Amino acid sequence: MKQLARILIVIAISVGLSVPVIAANINGVEITTQNTGGVWWTGSEAAIGITDSGATNNPFYNGSDPTNTSAIPSPGISSGTYLAFMGYENYWPITDYATLTLYYDDATSKSATFRVGSLTNSGAWDKISGDSLQLGGGGFDTTPDRVGTHGNSAITPLDGIPDVVLMFSDTGGLSSTVPEPATMLLLGVGLVGVAGLRRRFKK
């Protein structure tokens, strides 16, 4: 009987931790500087190129065609950790604070303000206020010239100036090791079930 109880406990925990949590997709990214008025966002003239993290030559998720805008096409991109390629470099690195806002396809948004740290070292900057987002340097000493933002809505033209490359995440991917709230909730449910099973088999 005790062996059966142990098996049921393991199953309860496994099920609790494996239930998928469906999140909305990111369909817009905005980064603004507090004391210089710089604004970059997807689908705009001050464009941001969004790629997977890890390398500066990853393909863009938005605006790969020079004739289109830099909007992220439907259905957007899943929650995760990405690189943001930005031009308009006269606002960097003289700014002290930056705000990251992510927009989702369910009409919600998250926003947080950070104290600007190193642009070349990877890792999250100190968050001043806001939602559970992270923003920090991309981790590249040499950055490419991939995004031209001087009055052009496309993100592929070169403008002769290396881009500012930042890394952002809405999943704690830059440095956090704290479990996501949904995971903690499922773990709690699993443990409650375990407690009930143990009480039942003790009778």
N, C-alpha and C. Protein backbone atom coordinates (compact mmCIF):
# COMPACT_ATOMS: atom_id res chain seq x y z
N MET A 1 0.83 -1.20 0.00
CA MET A 1 0.00 0.00 0.00
C MET A 1 0.87 1.26 0.00
N LYS A 2 1.94 1.22 0.79
CA LYS A 2 2.84 2.38 0.83
C LYS A 2 3.51 2.59 -0.52
N GLN A 3 3.85 1.48 -1.20
CA GLN A 3 4.47 1.60 -2.52
C GLN A 3 3.51 2.26 -3.50
N LEU A 4 2.22 1.88 -3.46
CA LEU A 4 1.22 2.49 -4.31
C LEU A 4 1.09 3.97 -4.02
N ALA A 5 1.13 4.31 -2.74
CA ALA A 5 1.05 5.73 -2.35
C ALA A 5 2.19 6.52 -2.93
N ARG A 6 3.40 5.96 -2.89
CA ARG A 6 4.57 6.67 -3.44
C ARG A 6 4.41 6.88 -4.95
N ILE A 7 3.90 5.85 -5.64
CA ILE A 7 3.71 5.96 -7.09
C ILE A 7 2.70 7.06 -7.41
N LEU A 8 1.60 7.10 -6.66
CA LEU A 8 0.58 8.11 -6.88
C LEU A 8 1.12 9.51 -6.59
N ILE A 9 1.98 9.63 -5.60
CA ILE A 9 2.58 10.93 -5.27
C ILE A 9 3.43 11.43 -6.43
N VAL A 10 4.24 10.54 -7.00
CA VAL A 10 5.09 10.92 -8.13
C VAL A 10 4.23 11.32 -9.32
N ILE A 11 3.16 10.58 -9.59
CA ILE A 11 2.28 10.90 -10.71
C ILE A 11 1.62 12.26 -10.50
N ALA A 12 1.18 12.53 -9.28
CA ALA A 12 0.51 13.80 -8.99
C ALA A 12 1.44 14.98 -9.23
N ILE A 13 2.68 14.84 -8.79
CA ILE A 13 3.65 15.94 -8.98
C ILE A 13 3.97 16.09 -10.45
N SER A 14 4.17 14.98 -11.17
CA SER A 14 4.51 15.05 -12.58
C SER A 14 3.41 15.70 -13.39
N VAL A 15 2.17 15.32 -13.12
CA VAL A 15 1.05 15.92 -13.84
C VAL A 15 0.95 17.41 -13.54
N GLY A 16 1.15 17.76 -12.27
CA GLY A 16 1.05 19.17 -11.88
C GLY A 16 2.08 20.03 -12.55
N LEU A 17 3.28 19.47 -12.80
CA LEU A 17 4.35 20.26 -13.40
C LEU A 17 4.33 20.22 -14.92
N SER A 18 3.58 19.30 -15.52
CA SER A 18 3.62 19.17 -16.97
C SER A 18 2.42 19.79 -17.67
N VAL A 19 1.44 20.30 -16.92
CA VAL A 19 0.28 20.92 -17.55
C VAL A 19 0.72 22.19 -18.27
N PRO A 20 0.50 22.30 -19.58
CA PRO A 20 0.97 23.49 -20.32
C PRO A 20 0.19 24.74 -19.95
N VAL A 21 0.89 25.85 -19.91
CA VAL A 21 0.26 27.14 -19.66
C VAL A 21 0.32 27.94 -20.96
N ILE A 22 -0.81 28.20 -21.55
CA ILE A 22 -0.87 28.89 -22.83
C ILE A 22 -0.80 30.40 -22.59
N ALA A 23 0.21 31.03 -23.17
CA ALA A 23 0.39 32.47 -23.01
C ALA A 23 0.11 33.17 -24.32
N ALA A 24 -0.24 34.44 -24.24
CA ALA A 24 -0.47 35.25 -25.43
C ALA A 24 0.85 35.50 -26.15
N ASN A 25 0.79 35.72 -27.46
CA ASN A 25 1.97 36.01 -28.25
C ASN A 25 2.29 37.50 -28.20
N ILE A 26 3.58 37.83 -28.31
CA ILE A 26 4.02 39.22 -28.38
C ILE A 26 3.83 39.72 -29.81
N ASN A 27 3.10 40.81 -29.98
CA ASN A 27 2.93 41.37 -31.32
C ASN A 27 3.39 42.82 -31.43
N GLY A 28 4.03 43.34 -30.38
CA GLY A 28 4.58 44.68 -30.42
C GLY A 28 5.60 44.89 -29.33
N VAL A 29 6.68 45.62 -29.64
CA VAL A 29 7.74 45.92 -28.69
C VAL A 29 8.05 47.40 -28.75
N GLU A 30 8.17 48.04 -27.60
CA GLU A 30 8.51 49.46 -27.53
C GLU A 30 9.58 49.67 -26.46
N ILE A 31 10.61 50.43 -26.79
CA ILE A 31 11.66 50.80 -25.84
C ILE A 31 11.82 52.31 -25.90
N THR A 32 11.70 52.95 -24.75
CA THR A 32 11.82 54.41 -24.69
C THR A 32 12.87 54.80 -23.67
N THR A 33 13.52 55.94 -23.91
CA THR A 33 14.47 56.48 -22.94
C THR A 33 13.82 57.62 -22.18
N GLN A 34 14.12 57.70 -20.89
CA GLN A 34 13.41 58.62 -20.01
C GLN A 34 13.87 60.07 -20.13
N ASN A 35 15.16 60.28 -20.22
CA ASN A 35 15.64 61.66 -20.12
C ASN A 35 16.10 62.25 -21.45
N THR A 36 15.96 61.50 -22.55
CA THR A 36 16.38 62.02 -23.84
C THR A 36 15.27 61.97 -24.88
N GLY A 37 14.16 61.33 -24.56
CA GLY A 37 13.03 61.31 -25.48
C GLY A 37 13.15 60.34 -26.62
N GLY A 38 14.09 59.39 -26.58
CA GLY A 38 14.20 58.41 -27.64
C GLY A 38 13.07 57.41 -27.57
N VAL A 39 12.53 57.05 -28.72
CA VAL A 39 11.44 56.07 -28.78
C VAL A 39 11.69 55.13 -29.95
N TRP A 40 11.70 53.82 -29.67
CA TRP A 40 11.82 52.80 -30.71
C TRP A 40 10.65 51.85 -30.53
N TRP A 41 10.01 51.45 -31.62
CA TRP A 41 8.95 50.46 -31.48
C TRP A 41 8.74 49.75 -32.80
N THR A 42 8.22 48.56 -32.73
CA THR A 42 7.97 47.79 -33.94
C THR A 42 6.80 48.43 -34.69
N GLY A 43 6.95 48.49 -36.01
CA GLY A 43 5.92 49.10 -36.83
C GLY A 43 6.02 50.60 -36.89
N SER A 44 7.21 51.14 -36.78
CA SER A 44 7.36 52.60 -36.74
C SER A 44 8.59 53.03 -37.52
N GLU A 45 8.78 54.35 -37.63
CA GLU A 45 9.97 54.86 -38.30
C GLU A 45 11.22 54.70 -37.43
N ALA A 46 11.05 54.79 -36.11
CA ALA A 46 12.17 54.49 -35.22
C ALA A 46 12.07 53.00 -34.88
N ALA A 47 12.49 52.18 -35.83
CA ALA A 47 12.16 50.76 -35.79
C ALA A 47 13.08 49.96 -34.87
N ILE A 48 12.56 48.83 -34.45
CA ILE A 48 13.32 47.83 -33.72
C ILE A 48 13.30 46.55 -34.54
N GLY A 49 14.45 45.93 -34.72
CA GLY A 49 14.51 44.61 -35.33
C GLY A 49 14.56 43.56 -34.24
N ILE A 50 13.68 42.57 -34.29
CA ILE A 50 13.59 41.55 -33.25
C ILE A 50 14.10 40.22 -33.79
N THR A 51 15.07 39.62 -33.08
CA THR A 51 15.58 38.30 -33.45
C THR A 51 15.67 37.43 -32.21
N ASP A 52 15.91 36.13 -32.43
CA ASP A 52 16.24 35.26 -31.32
C ASP A 52 17.55 35.73 -30.69
N SER A 53 17.75 35.40 -29.43
CA SER A 53 19.00 35.75 -28.75
C SER A 53 20.10 34.79 -29.18
N GLY A 54 21.34 35.16 -28.89
CA GLY A 54 22.46 34.27 -29.14
C GLY A 54 23.42 34.73 -30.21
N ALA A 55 22.93 35.40 -31.25
CA ALA A 55 23.81 35.84 -32.35
C ALA A 55 23.20 37.06 -33.01
N THR A 56 24.06 37.91 -33.55
CA THR A 56 23.57 39.14 -34.18
C THR A 56 23.16 38.94 -35.63
N ASN A 57 23.35 37.74 -36.18
CA ASN A 57 22.96 37.50 -37.57
C ASN A 57 21.71 36.64 -37.69
N ASN A 58 21.00 36.43 -36.59
CA ASN A 58 19.74 35.69 -36.67
C ASN A 58 18.74 36.47 -37.51
N PRO A 59 17.86 35.79 -38.22
CA PRO A 59 16.88 36.51 -39.05
C PRO A 59 15.88 37.28 -38.20
N PHE A 60 15.41 38.40 -38.73
CA PHE A 60 14.41 39.20 -38.03
C PHE A 60 13.05 38.51 -38.07
N TYR A 61 12.31 38.70 -37.00
CA TYR A 61 10.92 38.27 -36.98
C TYR A 61 10.01 39.32 -37.60
N ASN A 62 10.54 40.50 -37.84
CA ASN A 62 9.72 41.60 -38.37
C ASN A 62 10.50 42.35 -39.44
N GLY A 63 9.81 42.76 -40.48
CA GLY A 63 10.39 43.65 -41.47
C GLY A 63 11.56 43.11 -42.25
N SER A 64 11.53 41.83 -42.63
CA SER A 64 12.66 41.28 -43.39
C SER A 64 12.72 41.82 -44.82
N ASP A 65 11.61 42.35 -45.31
CA ASP A 65 11.54 42.94 -46.65
C ASP A 65 11.72 44.45 -46.54
N PRO A 66 12.69 45.06 -47.24
CA PRO A 66 12.93 46.50 -47.13
C PRO A 66 11.72 47.36 -47.48
N THR A 67 10.74 46.78 -48.18
CA THR A 67 9.59 47.59 -48.59
C THR A 67 8.45 47.58 -47.57
N ASN A 68 8.53 46.73 -46.56
CA ASN A 68 7.43 46.70 -45.61
C ASN A 68 7.80 47.34 -44.29
N THR A 69 6.84 47.48 -43.40
CA THR A 69 7.11 48.09 -42.10
C THR A 69 7.69 47.05 -41.16
N SER A 70 8.04 47.49 -39.97
CA SER A 70 8.67 46.58 -39.02
C SER A 70 7.68 45.99 -38.03
N ALA A 71 6.40 45.95 -38.39
CA ALA A 71 5.43 45.31 -37.52
C ALA A 71 5.68 43.81 -37.45
N ILE A 72 5.43 43.22 -36.29
CA ILE A 72 5.56 41.77 -36.14
C ILE A 72 4.30 41.13 -36.71
N PRO A 73 4.43 40.30 -37.74
CA PRO A 73 3.24 39.74 -38.37
C PRO A 73 2.51 38.75 -37.46
N SER A 74 1.21 38.60 -37.71
CA SER A 74 0.41 37.63 -36.98
C SER A 74 0.97 36.22 -37.22
N PRO A 75 1.00 35.35 -36.24
CA PRO A 75 0.37 35.45 -34.91
C PRO A 75 1.28 36.03 -33.83
N GLY A 76 2.35 36.71 -34.19
CA GLY A 76 3.28 37.24 -33.22
C GLY A 76 4.34 36.23 -32.84
N ILE A 77 5.07 36.51 -31.78
CA ILE A 77 6.11 35.61 -31.31
C ILE A 77 5.80 35.22 -29.88
N SER A 78 6.17 34.00 -29.52
CA SER A 78 5.84 33.49 -28.19
C SER A 78 6.67 34.19 -27.12
N SER A 79 6.21 34.14 -25.89
CA SER A 79 6.97 34.69 -24.77
C SER A 79 8.34 34.03 -24.73
N GLY A 80 9.37 34.82 -24.45
CA GLY A 80 10.72 34.28 -24.44
C GLY A 80 11.76 35.37 -24.29
N THR A 81 12.98 35.07 -24.73
CA THR A 81 14.11 35.99 -24.64
C THR A 81 14.58 36.32 -26.05
N TYR A 82 14.67 37.62 -26.35
CA TYR A 82 14.98 38.07 -27.70
C TYR A 82 16.00 39.20 -27.69
N LEU A 83 16.56 39.47 -28.88
CA LEU A 83 17.41 40.64 -29.07
C LEU A 83 16.61 41.74 -29.75
N ALA A 84 16.89 42.98 -29.37
CA ALA A 84 16.28 44.16 -30.00
C ALA A 84 17.38 44.98 -30.64
N PHE A 85 17.34 45.13 -31.97
CA PHE A 85 18.33 45.91 -32.72
C PHE A 85 17.74 47.30 -32.96
N MET A 86 18.46 48.33 -32.50
CA MET A 86 17.94 49.69 -32.58
C MET A 86 18.98 50.63 -33.19
N GLY A 87 18.52 51.52 -34.03
CA GLY A 87 19.36 52.60 -34.51
C GLY A 87 19.14 53.83 -33.65
N TYR A 88 19.25 55.00 -34.27
CA TYR A 88 19.03 56.25 -33.54
C TYR A 88 19.97 56.38 -32.35
N GLU A 89 21.24 56.07 -32.62
CA GLU A 89 22.20 55.84 -31.53
C GLU A 89 22.57 57.08 -30.74
N ASN A 90 22.17 58.29 -31.19
CA ASN A 90 22.55 59.48 -30.44
C ASN A 90 21.88 59.53 -29.07
N TYR A 91 20.91 58.67 -28.83
CA TYR A 91 20.29 58.61 -27.51
C TYR A 91 20.96 57.59 -26.60
N TRP A 92 21.94 56.89 -27.08
CA TRP A 92 22.64 55.88 -26.28
C TRP A 92 24.13 56.17 -26.33
N PRO A 93 24.89 55.91 -25.25
CA PRO A 93 24.43 55.42 -23.95
C PRO A 93 24.21 56.54 -22.94
N ILE A 94 23.90 57.75 -23.39
CA ILE A 94 23.83 58.88 -22.45
C ILE A 94 22.58 58.84 -21.57
N THR A 95 21.60 58.01 -21.91
CA THR A 95 20.38 57.96 -21.12
C THR A 95 20.59 57.20 -19.81
N ASP A 96 19.85 57.57 -18.79
CA ASP A 96 19.96 56.91 -17.49
C ASP A 96 18.93 55.81 -17.29
N TYR A 97 17.76 55.99 -17.89
CA TYR A 97 16.66 55.05 -17.68
C TYR A 97 16.05 54.66 -19.02
N ALA A 98 15.52 53.45 -19.08
CA ALA A 98 14.83 52.97 -20.27
C ALA A 98 13.61 52.17 -19.85
N THR A 99 12.54 52.28 -20.63
CA THR A 99 11.30 51.56 -20.35
C THR A 99 11.01 50.58 -21.48
N LEU A 100 10.77 49.34 -21.12
CA LEU A 100 10.39 48.30 -22.07
C LEU A 100 8.89 48.04 -21.93
N THR A 101 8.18 48.06 -23.05
CA THR A 101 6.76 47.72 -23.07
C THR A 101 6.53 46.65 -24.12
N LEU A 102 5.89 45.56 -23.71
CA LEU A 102 5.55 44.49 -24.64
C LEU A 102 4.03 44.45 -24.79
N TYR A 103 3.59 44.33 -26.04
CA TYR A 103 2.17 44.24 -26.34
C TYR A 103 1.85 42.82 -26.81
N TYR A 104 0.68 42.33 -26.43
CA TYR A 104 0.30 40.95 -26.71
C TYR A 104 -0.95 40.88 -27.58
N ASP A 105 -1.12 39.72 -28.23
CA ASP A 105 -2.24 39.59 -29.16
C ASP A 105 -3.59 39.44 -28.48
N ASP A 106 -3.62 39.39 -27.15
CA ASP A 106 -4.90 39.38 -26.44
C ASP A 106 -5.25 40.77 -25.91
N ALA A 107 -4.58 41.80 -26.47
CA ALA A 107 -4.82 43.22 -26.15
C ALA A 107 -4.31 43.62 -24.77
N THR A 108 -3.45 42.80 -24.16
CA THR A 108 -2.82 43.17 -22.89
C THR A 108 -1.42 43.70 -23.16
N SER A 109 -0.79 44.25 -22.15
CA SER A 109 0.58 44.73 -22.27
C SER A 109 1.28 44.62 -20.92
N LYS A 110 2.62 44.61 -20.97
CA LYS A 110 3.45 44.65 -19.77
C LYS A 110 4.50 45.74 -19.97
N SER A 111 4.85 46.43 -18.89
CA SER A 111 5.81 47.51 -19.00
C SER A 111 6.66 47.58 -17.73
N ALA A 112 7.93 47.91 -17.89
CA ALA A 112 8.83 48.05 -16.74
C ALA A 112 9.94 49.04 -17.10
N THR A 113 10.42 49.77 -16.09
CA THR A 113 11.47 50.76 -16.26
C THR A 113 12.75 50.28 -15.59
N PHE A 114 13.88 50.49 -16.26
CA PHE A 114 15.17 49.98 -15.80
C PHE A 114 16.21 51.09 -15.75
N ARG A 115 17.19 50.90 -14.86
CA ARG A 115 18.37 51.77 -14.85
C ARG A 115 19.35 51.22 -15.87
N VAL A 116 19.72 52.04 -16.85
CA VAL A 116 20.57 51.56 -17.94
C VAL A 116 21.96 51.18 -17.42
N GLY A 117 22.36 49.98 -17.76
CA GLY A 117 23.69 49.50 -17.39
C GLY A 117 24.55 49.33 -18.63
N SER A 118 25.39 48.30 -18.62
CA SER A 118 26.29 48.05 -19.74
C SER A 118 25.52 47.65 -20.99
N LEU A 119 25.94 48.20 -22.13
CA LEU A 119 25.33 47.82 -23.41
C LEU A 119 26.00 46.60 -24.01
N THR A 120 27.25 46.35 -23.64
CA THR A 120 28.00 45.26 -24.26
C THR A 120 28.02 43.99 -23.42
N ASN A 121 27.78 44.09 -22.12
CA ASN A 121 27.71 42.90 -21.29
C ASN A 121 26.28 42.37 -21.28
N SER A 122 26.14 41.05 -21.30
CA SER A 122 24.80 40.47 -21.23
C SER A 122 24.37 40.38 -19.77
N GLY A 123 23.09 40.44 -19.54
CA GLY A 123 22.55 40.37 -18.18
C GLY A 123 21.54 41.46 -17.93
N ALA A 124 20.65 41.19 -17.00
CA ALA A 124 19.54 42.10 -16.74
C ALA A 124 20.01 43.37 -16.03
N TRP A 125 19.48 44.51 -16.46
CA TRP A 125 19.68 45.76 -15.74
C TRP A 125 18.78 45.80 -14.52
N ASP A 126 19.10 46.68 -13.57
CA ASP A 126 18.30 46.83 -12.37
C ASP A 126 16.92 47.40 -12.74
N LYS A 127 15.88 46.72 -12.30
CA LYS A 127 14.53 47.20 -12.57
C LYS A 127 14.12 48.20 -11.51
N ILE A 128 13.60 49.34 -11.95
CA ILE A 128 13.15 50.40 -11.04
C ILE A 128 11.70 50.15 -10.64
N SER A 129 10.87 49.81 -11.60
CA SER A 129 9.45 49.59 -11.32
C SER A 129 8.82 48.84 -12.49
N GLY A 130 7.63 48.30 -12.26
CA GLY A 130 6.87 47.72 -13.35
C GLY A 130 6.67 46.23 -13.26
N ASP A 131 6.27 45.66 -14.39
CA ASP A 131 5.91 44.25 -14.47
C ASP A 131 7.14 43.35 -14.50
N SER A 132 6.88 42.04 -14.55
CA SER A 132 7.95 41.05 -14.49
C SER A 132 8.60 40.87 -15.87
N LEU A 133 9.31 41.91 -16.29
CA LEU A 133 10.08 41.88 -17.53
C LEU A 133 11.56 42.07 -17.19
N GLN A 134 12.41 41.76 -18.16
CA GLN A 134 13.84 42.02 -18.01
C GLN A 134 14.37 42.69 -19.27
N LEU A 135 15.33 43.59 -19.07
CA LEU A 135 15.98 44.30 -20.17
C LEU A 135 17.44 44.47 -19.80
N GLY A 136 18.34 44.30 -20.77
CA GLY A 136 19.75 44.44 -20.48
C GLY A 136 20.58 44.48 -21.75
N GLY A 137 21.90 44.53 -21.58
CA GLY A 137 22.80 44.56 -22.72
C GLY A 137 22.75 43.25 -23.50
N GLY A 138 23.01 43.35 -24.79
CA GLY A 138 22.95 42.16 -25.63
C GLY A 138 24.13 41.22 -25.48
N GLY A 139 25.26 41.75 -24.96
CA GLY A 139 26.43 40.91 -24.77
C GLY A 139 27.38 40.89 -25.94
N PHE A 140 27.37 41.96 -26.77
CA PHE A 140 28.21 42.00 -27.97
C PHE A 140 29.11 43.23 -27.94
N ASP A 141 30.41 42.99 -28.05
CA ASP A 141 31.36 44.10 -28.12
C ASP A 141 31.27 44.81 -29.48
N THR A 142 31.07 44.03 -30.54
CA THR A 142 30.94 44.58 -31.88
C THR A 142 29.53 44.30 -32.37
N THR A 143 28.81 45.35 -32.70
CA THR A 143 27.42 45.19 -33.13
C THR A 143 27.28 45.52 -34.60
N PRO A 144 26.34 44.90 -35.28
CA PRO A 144 26.21 45.08 -36.73
C PRO A 144 25.41 46.33 -37.09
N ASP A 145 25.47 46.66 -38.35
CA ASP A 145 24.65 47.75 -38.90
C ASP A 145 23.53 47.10 -39.70
N ARG A 146 22.43 46.79 -39.03
CA ARG A 146 21.32 46.09 -39.69
C ARG A 146 20.05 46.91 -39.76
N VAL A 147 19.91 47.90 -38.89
CA VAL A 147 18.65 48.66 -38.79
C VAL A 147 18.90 50.13 -39.08
N GLY A 148 18.25 50.65 -40.10
CA GLY A 148 18.31 52.08 -40.37
C GLY A 148 16.99 52.72 -39.97
N THR A 149 17.03 53.74 -39.15
CA THR A 149 15.78 54.29 -38.59
C THR A 149 15.59 55.76 -38.91
N HIS A 150 16.39 56.31 -39.77
CA HIS A 150 16.32 57.75 -40.00
C HIS A 150 15.25 58.08 -41.04
N GLY A 151 14.00 58.14 -40.60
CA GLY A 151 12.90 58.51 -41.46
C GLY A 151 12.41 57.43 -42.39
N ASN A 152 12.81 56.19 -42.13
CA ASN A 152 12.38 55.09 -42.99
C ASN A 152 11.73 54.02 -42.14
N SER A 153 10.55 53.56 -42.53
CA SER A 153 9.82 52.59 -41.72
C SER A 153 10.35 51.17 -41.85
N ALA A 154 11.20 50.91 -42.84
CA ALA A 154 11.77 49.58 -42.99
C ALA A 154 12.96 49.41 -42.04
N ILE A 155 13.22 48.18 -41.63
CA ILE A 155 14.29 47.98 -40.67
C ILE A 155 15.57 47.43 -41.30
N THR A 156 15.54 47.10 -42.59
CA THR A 156 16.73 46.49 -43.17
C THR A 156 17.74 47.46 -43.77
N PRO A 157 17.40 48.71 -44.15
CA PRO A 157 18.42 49.56 -44.76
C PRO A 157 19.57 49.85 -43.80
N LEU A 158 20.77 49.91 -44.34
CA LEU A 158 21.94 50.27 -43.53
C LEU A 158 22.05 51.79 -43.47
N ASP A 159 22.52 52.28 -42.32
CA ASP A 159 22.68 53.73 -42.19
C ASP A 159 24.11 54.11 -41.83
N GLY A 160 25.01 53.11 -41.87
CA GLY A 160 26.41 53.41 -41.60
C GLY A 160 26.75 53.54 -40.13
N ILE A 161 25.81 53.23 -39.25
CA ILE A 161 26.04 53.35 -37.81
C ILE A 161 25.71 52.02 -37.15
N PRO A 162 26.61 51.46 -36.34
CA PRO A 162 26.30 50.20 -35.65
C PRO A 162 25.06 50.35 -34.77
N ASP A 163 24.26 49.29 -34.73
CA ASP A 163 23.04 49.31 -33.92
C ASP A 163 23.35 49.14 -32.44
N VAL A 164 22.47 49.66 -31.62
CA VAL A 164 22.43 49.29 -30.20
C VAL A 164 21.66 47.98 -30.12
N VAL A 165 22.26 46.96 -29.52
CA VAL A 165 21.61 45.66 -29.41
C VAL A 165 21.35 45.35 -27.94
N LEU A 166 20.08 45.26 -27.58
CA LEU A 166 19.67 44.94 -26.22
C LEU A 166 19.01 43.57 -26.19
N MET A 167 18.95 42.98 -25.01
CA MET A 167 18.26 41.71 -24.82
C MET A 167 17.08 41.95 -23.88
N PHE A 168 15.94 41.35 -24.20
CA PHE A 168 14.78 41.50 -23.31
C PHE A 168 14.09 40.16 -23.14
N SER A 169 13.32 40.04 -22.07
CA SER A 169 12.65 38.79 -21.79
C SER A 169 11.40 39.04 -20.96
N ASP A 170 10.35 38.24 -21.22
CA ASP A 170 9.19 38.25 -20.33
C ASP A 170 9.04 36.90 -19.65
N THR A 171 10.13 36.10 -19.65
CA THR A 171 10.10 34.80 -18.99
C THR A 171 11.23 34.64 -17.99
N GLY A 172 11.91 35.73 -17.66
CA GLY A 172 13.03 35.62 -16.72
C GLY A 172 14.26 35.01 -17.34
N GLY A 173 14.39 35.09 -18.66
CA GLY A 173 15.46 34.39 -19.34
C GLY A 173 16.83 35.04 -19.25
N LEU A 174 16.95 36.29 -18.80
CA LEU A 174 18.26 36.94 -18.78
C LEU A 174 19.12 36.47 -17.61
N SER A 175 18.52 36.39 -16.42
CA SER A 175 19.34 35.98 -15.28
C SER A 175 18.54 35.31 -14.18
N SER A 176 17.22 35.45 -14.21
CA SER A 176 16.42 34.94 -13.10
C SER A 176 16.31 33.43 -13.13
N THR A 177 16.35 32.81 -11.96
CA THR A 177 16.12 31.37 -11.85
C THR A 177 14.89 31.08 -11.01
N VAL A 178 14.11 32.10 -10.70
CA VAL A 178 12.90 31.93 -9.90
C VAL A 178 11.81 31.34 -10.78
N PRO A 179 11.12 30.26 -10.34
CA PRO A 179 10.07 29.67 -11.17
C PRO A 179 8.97 30.66 -11.48
N GLU A 180 8.37 30.52 -12.65
CA GLU A 180 7.25 31.36 -13.03
C GLU A 180 6.07 31.13 -12.08
N PRO A 181 5.22 32.14 -11.84
CA PRO A 181 4.08 31.99 -10.94
C PRO A 181 3.17 30.83 -11.31
N ALA A 182 2.95 30.60 -12.62
CA ALA A 182 2.07 29.51 -13.02
C ALA A 182 2.66 28.16 -12.62
N THR A 183 3.99 28.04 -12.75
CA THR A 183 4.63 26.80 -12.33
C THR A 183 4.50 26.59 -10.85
N MET A 184 4.68 27.66 -10.08
CA MET A 184 4.54 27.55 -8.63
C MET A 184 3.12 27.18 -8.24
N LEU A 185 2.13 27.71 -8.97
CA LEU A 185 0.74 27.39 -8.67
C LEU A 185 0.47 25.91 -8.92
N LEU A 186 0.96 25.40 -10.05
CA LEU A 186 0.76 24.00 -10.36
C LEU A 186 1.47 23.10 -9.35
N LEU A 187 2.66 23.51 -8.92
CA LEU A 187 3.37 22.75 -7.91
C LEU A 187 2.58 22.72 -6.62
N GLY A 188 1.99 23.86 -6.26
CA GLY A 188 1.19 23.92 -5.04
C GLY A 188 -0.01 22.99 -5.13
N VAL A 189 -0.67 22.97 -6.29
CA VAL A 189 -1.80 22.07 -6.47
C VAL A 189 -1.36 20.62 -6.33
N GLY A 190 -0.21 20.30 -6.93
CA GLY A 190 0.30 18.94 -6.83
C GLY A 190 0.60 18.55 -5.40
N LEU A 191 1.19 19.48 -4.63
CA LEU A 191 1.52 19.18 -3.23
C LEU A 191 0.28 19.02 -2.38
N VAL A 192 -0.75 19.82 -2.67
CA VAL A 192 -2.01 19.67 -1.94
C VAL A 192 -2.58 18.28 -2.19
N GLY A 193 -2.53 17.85 -3.45
CA GLY A 193 -3.02 16.51 -3.78
C GLY A 193 -2.22 15.43 -3.09
N VAL A 194 -0.90 15.64 -2.99
CA VAL A 194 -0.04 14.69 -2.31
C VAL A 194 -0.41 14.58 -0.84
N ALA A 195 -0.64 15.74 -0.22
CA ALA A 195 -1.01 15.74 1.19
C ALA A 195 -2.30 14.96 1.42
N GLY A 196 -3.27 15.14 0.50
CA GLY A 196 -4.53 14.40 0.62
C GLY A 196 -4.33 12.91 0.48
N LEU A 197 -3.47 12.50 -0.46
CA LEU A 197 -3.21 11.09 -0.66
C LEU A 197 -2.53 10.47 0.57
N ARG A 198 -1.62 11.22 1.17
CA ARG A 198 -0.92 10.68 2.33
C ARG A 198 -1.88 10.51 3.50
N ARG A 199 -2.78 11.48 3.69
CA ARG A 199 -3.75 11.36 4.77
C ARG A 199 -4.65 10.16 4.54
N ARG A 200 -5.02 9.94 3.26
CA ARG A 200 -5.94 8.85 2.94
C ARG A 200 -5.30 7.51 3.21
N PHE A 201 -4.02 7.35 2.84
CA PHE A 201 -3.37 6.05 3.00
C PHE A 201 -2.92 5.79 4.43
N LYS A 202 -2.91 6.83 5.28
CA LYS A 202 -2.57 6.62 6.68
C LYS A 202 -3.74 6.03 7.45
N LYS A 203 -4.98 6.25 6.92
CA LYS A 203 -6.16 5.76 7.63
C LYS A 203 -6.25 4.23 7.58
